[in-house]
Amino acid sequence: MGKIQFARYNIGQVIRHRLYAMRGVIFDVDTSFAGTDGESASDGIATRLVYRLFAEDDEIPYVACIAENDLEPDDSGEPVSHPGIGAMFEVGEAGGYRRRGHVMN
């Protein structure tokens, strides 16, 4: 039986990369990624959570897949300006993002 993992971050949460000038809004969490980031499970196979996010840096918006250990919360309150956000999220009163009831095309 596999090790149960809990996501540290939530769908719609604004995060930033620990090392690079990148921030974004999480839209998916992949729990099936297997890698070797040093968090070894009891069977010797390391697993980690990978987040998919609508990301932006100083140049362009893009979609990124980033390991949980490379992320941290972004508490700046600044909006993320990625063109994909509006189709999946509504902006809440406090500036956060929440999933739309239905996806827009």
C-alpha atoms as a PDB file:
ATOM      1  CA  MET A   1       0.000   0.000   0.000  1.00  0.00           C
ATOM      2  CA  GLY A   2       1.307   3.468  -0.910  1.00  0.00           C
ATOM      3  CA  LYS A   3       2.032   6.335   1.383  1.00  0.00           C
ATOM      4  CA  ILE A   4      -0.830   8.824   1.757  1.00  0.00           C
ATOM      5  CA  GLN A   5       0.160  12.338   0.725  1.00  0.00           C
ATOM      6  CA  PHE A   6      -1.579  15.573   1.549  1.00  0.00           C
ATOM      7  CA  ALA A   7      -1.189  18.640  -0.617  1.00  0.00           C
ATOM      8  CA  ARG A   8       0.335  21.612   1.148  1.00  0.00           C
ATOM      9  CA  TYR A   9      -1.310  24.090  -1.262  1.00  0.00           C
ATOM     10  CA  ASN A  10      -4.846  24.448  -2.631  1.00  0.00           C
ATOM     11  CA  ILE A  11      -6.436  24.822  -6.036  1.00  0.00           C
ATOM     12  CA  GLY A  12      -6.786  28.554  -6.675  1.00  0.00           C
ATOM     13  CA  GLN A  13      -3.983  29.503  -4.295  1.00  0.00           C
ATOM     14  CA  VAL A  14      -1.383  32.015  -5.478  1.00  0.00           C
ATOM     15  CA  ILE A  15       2.142  30.695  -5.024  1.00  0.00           C
ATOM     16  CA  ARG A  16       5.666  31.607  -6.082  1.00  0.00           C
ATOM     17  CA  HIS A  17       8.810  29.668  -6.868  1.00  0.00           C
ATOM     18  CA  ARG A  18      11.378  29.587  -4.064  1.00  0.00           C
ATOM     19  CA  LEU A  19      14.329  30.416  -6.354  1.00  0.00           C
ATOM     20  CA  TYR A  20      13.036  31.970  -9.570  1.00  0.00           C
ATOM     21  CA  ALA A  21      10.996  35.101 -10.287  1.00  0.00           C
ATOM     22  CA  MET A  22       7.833  33.151 -11.086  1.00  0.00           C
ATOM     23  CA  ARG A  23       4.400  33.157  -9.496  1.00  0.00           C
ATOM     24  CA  GLY A  24       1.066  31.651 -10.429  1.00  0.00           C
ATOM     25  CA  VAL A  25      -2.324  30.177  -9.555  1.00  0.00           C
ATOM     26  CA  ILE A  26      -2.598  26.430  -8.911  1.00  0.00           C
ATOM     27  CA  PHE A  27      -5.164  24.653 -11.086  1.00  0.00           C
ATOM     28  CA  ASP A  28      -4.229  20.978 -10.597  1.00  0.00           C
ATOM     29  CA  VAL A  29      -2.243  18.675  -8.305  1.00  0.00           C
ATOM     30  CA  ASP A  30      -0.579  15.517  -9.636  1.00  0.00           C
ATOM     31  CA  THR A  31      -0.138  12.941  -6.878  1.00  0.00           C
ATOM     32  CA  SER A  32       1.220  10.190  -9.116  1.00  0.00           C
ATOM     33  CA  PHE A  33       4.596  11.714  -9.975  1.00  0.00           C
ATOM     34  CA  ALA A  34       7.558   9.596  -8.919  1.00  0.00           C
ATOM     35  CA  GLY A  35      10.974  11.184  -8.644  1.00  0.00           C
ATOM     36  CA  THR A  36      14.085  11.380  -6.538  1.00  0.00           C
ATOM     37  CA  ASP A  37      13.860  14.575  -4.537  1.00  0.00           C
ATOM     38  CA  GLY A  38      15.141  13.026  -1.320  1.00  0.00           C
ATOM     39  CA  GLU A  39      11.777  12.249   0.277  1.00  0.00           C
ATOM     40  CA  SER A  40      12.096   8.473   0.165  1.00  0.00           C
ATOM     41  CA  ALA A  41       9.100   6.361   1.025  1.00  0.00           C
ATOM     42  CA  SER A  42       9.535   3.147   3.001  1.00  0.00           C
ATOM     43  CA  ASP A  43       9.869   1.106  -0.209  1.00  0.00           C
ATOM     44  CA  GLY A  44      12.802   3.245  -1.400  1.00  0.00           C
ATOM     45  CA  ILE A  45      10.829   5.011  -4.137  1.00  0.00           C
ATOM     46  CA  ALA A  46      10.592   8.761  -3.691  1.00  0.00           C
ATOM     47  CA  THR A  47       7.300  10.393  -4.528  1.00  0.00           C
ATOM     48  CA  ARG A  48       6.308  14.030  -4.490  1.00  0.00           C
ATOM     49  CA  LEU A  49       3.391  16.208  -5.394  1.00  0.00           C
ATOM     50  CA  VAL A  50       3.612  18.248  -8.565  1.00  0.00           C
ATOM     51  CA  TYR A  51       1.417  21.305  -9.027  1.00  0.00           C
ATOM     52  CA  ARG A  52       0.178  22.603 -12.364  1.00  0.00           C
ATOM     53  CA  LEU A  53      -0.282  26.323 -12.431  1.00  0.00           C
ATOM     54  CA  PHE A  54      -1.058  29.294 -14.593  1.00  0.00           C
ATOM     55  CA  ALA A  55       2.298  30.997 -14.199  1.00  0.00           C
ATOM     56  CA  GLU A  56       3.889  34.289 -15.089  1.00  0.00           C
ATOM     57  CA  ASP A  57       7.347  35.772 -14.903  1.00  0.00           C
ATOM     58  CA  ASP A  58       8.774  39.076 -16.087  1.00  0.00           C
ATOM     59  CA  GLU A  59       8.339  38.113 -19.745  1.00  0.00           C
ATOM     60  CA  ILE A  60       5.428  35.798 -20.572  1.00  0.00           C
ATOM     61  CA  PRO A  61       2.531  33.806 -19.112  1.00  0.00           C
ATOM     62  CA  TYR A  62       2.815  30.017 -19.367  1.00  0.00           C
ATOM     63  CA  VAL A  63       1.648  26.739 -17.778  1.00  0.00           C
ATOM     64  CA  ALA A  64       4.153  25.210 -15.357  1.00  0.00           C
ATOM     65  CA  CYS A  65       4.500  21.891 -13.513  1.00  0.00           C
ATOM     66  CA  ILE A  66       6.490  22.392 -10.323  1.00  0.00           C
ATOM     67  CA  ALA A  67       7.306  20.139  -7.368  1.00  0.00           C
ATOM     68  CA  GLU A  68       5.798  21.096  -4.021  1.00  0.00           C
ATOM     69  CA  ASN A  69       9.219  21.569  -2.407  1.00  0.00           C
ATOM     70  CA  ASP A  70      10.038  24.337  -4.902  1.00  0.00           C
ATOM     71  CA  LEU A  71       6.968  26.426  -4.031  1.00  0.00           C
ATOM     72  CA  GLU A  72       5.922  28.794  -1.268  1.00  0.00           C
ATOM     73  CA  PRO A  73       2.803  30.906  -0.664  1.00  0.00           C
ATOM     74  CA  ASP A  74       2.647  34.329  -2.318  1.00  0.00           C
ATOM     75  CA  ASP A  75       1.071  36.744   0.142  1.00  0.00           C
ATOM     76  CA  SER A  76       1.709  39.879  -1.935  1.00  0.00           C
ATOM     77  CA  GLY A  77      -1.980  40.316  -2.803  1.00  0.00           C
ATOM     78  CA  GLU A  78      -0.996  41.143  -6.393  1.00  0.00           C
ATOM     79  CA  PRO A  79      -3.206  39.583  -9.095  1.00  0.00           C
ATOM     80  CA  VAL A  80      -1.784  37.008 -11.504  1.00  0.00           C
ATOM     81  CA  SER A  81      -2.329  38.093 -15.100  1.00  0.00           C
ATOM     82  CA  HIS A  82      -2.462  34.833 -17.055  1.00  0.00           C
ATOM     83  CA  PRO A  83      -5.010  34.563 -19.909  1.00  0.00           C
ATOM     84  CA  GLY A  84      -6.096  31.053 -18.796  1.00  0.00           C
ATOM     85  CA  ILE A  85      -7.259  32.092 -15.337  1.00  0.00           C
ATOM     86  CA  GLY A  86     -10.596  33.617 -16.381  1.00  0.00           C
ATOM     87  CA  ALA A  87     -11.832  30.387 -17.976  1.00  0.00           C
ATOM     88  CA  MET A  88     -11.312  28.356 -14.812  1.00  0.00           C
ATOM     89  CA  PHE A  89     -11.478  30.791 -11.886  1.00  0.00           C
ATOM     90  CA  GLU A  90     -13.461  33.719 -10.538  1.00  0.00           C
ATOM     91  CA  VAL A  91     -11.721  36.372  -8.481  1.00  0.00           C
ATOM     92  CA  GLY A  92     -13.020  36.426  -4.926  1.00  0.00           C
ATOM     93  CA  GLU A  93     -13.710  39.500  -2.828  1.00  0.00           C
ATOM     94  CA  ALA A  94     -10.419  39.105  -0.933  1.00  0.00           C
ATOM     95  CA  GLY A  95      -8.484  38.850  -4.216  1.00  0.00           C
ATOM     96  CA  GLY A  96      -8.172  35.060  -4.114  1.00  0.00           C
ATOM     97  CA  TYR A  97      -9.214  32.684  -6.894  1.00  0.00           C
ATOM     98  CA  ARG A  98     -12.050  30.168  -6.675  1.00  0.00           C
ATOM     99  CA  ARG A  99     -13.137  27.618  -9.257  1.00  0.00           C
ATOM    100  CA  ARG A 100     -16.019  28.531 -11.489  1.00  0.00           C
ATOM    101  CA  GLY A 101     -19.127  26.361 -11.255  1.00  0.00           C
ATOM    102  CA  HIS A 102     -18.634  25.458 -14.911  1.00  0.00           C
ATOM    103  CA  VAL A 103     -15.693  25.883 -17.251  1.00  0.00           C
ATOM    104  CA  MET A 104     -16.077  28.563 -19.917  1.00  0.00           C
ATOM    105  CA  ASN A 105     -14.816  28.048 -23.490  1.00  0.00           C
END
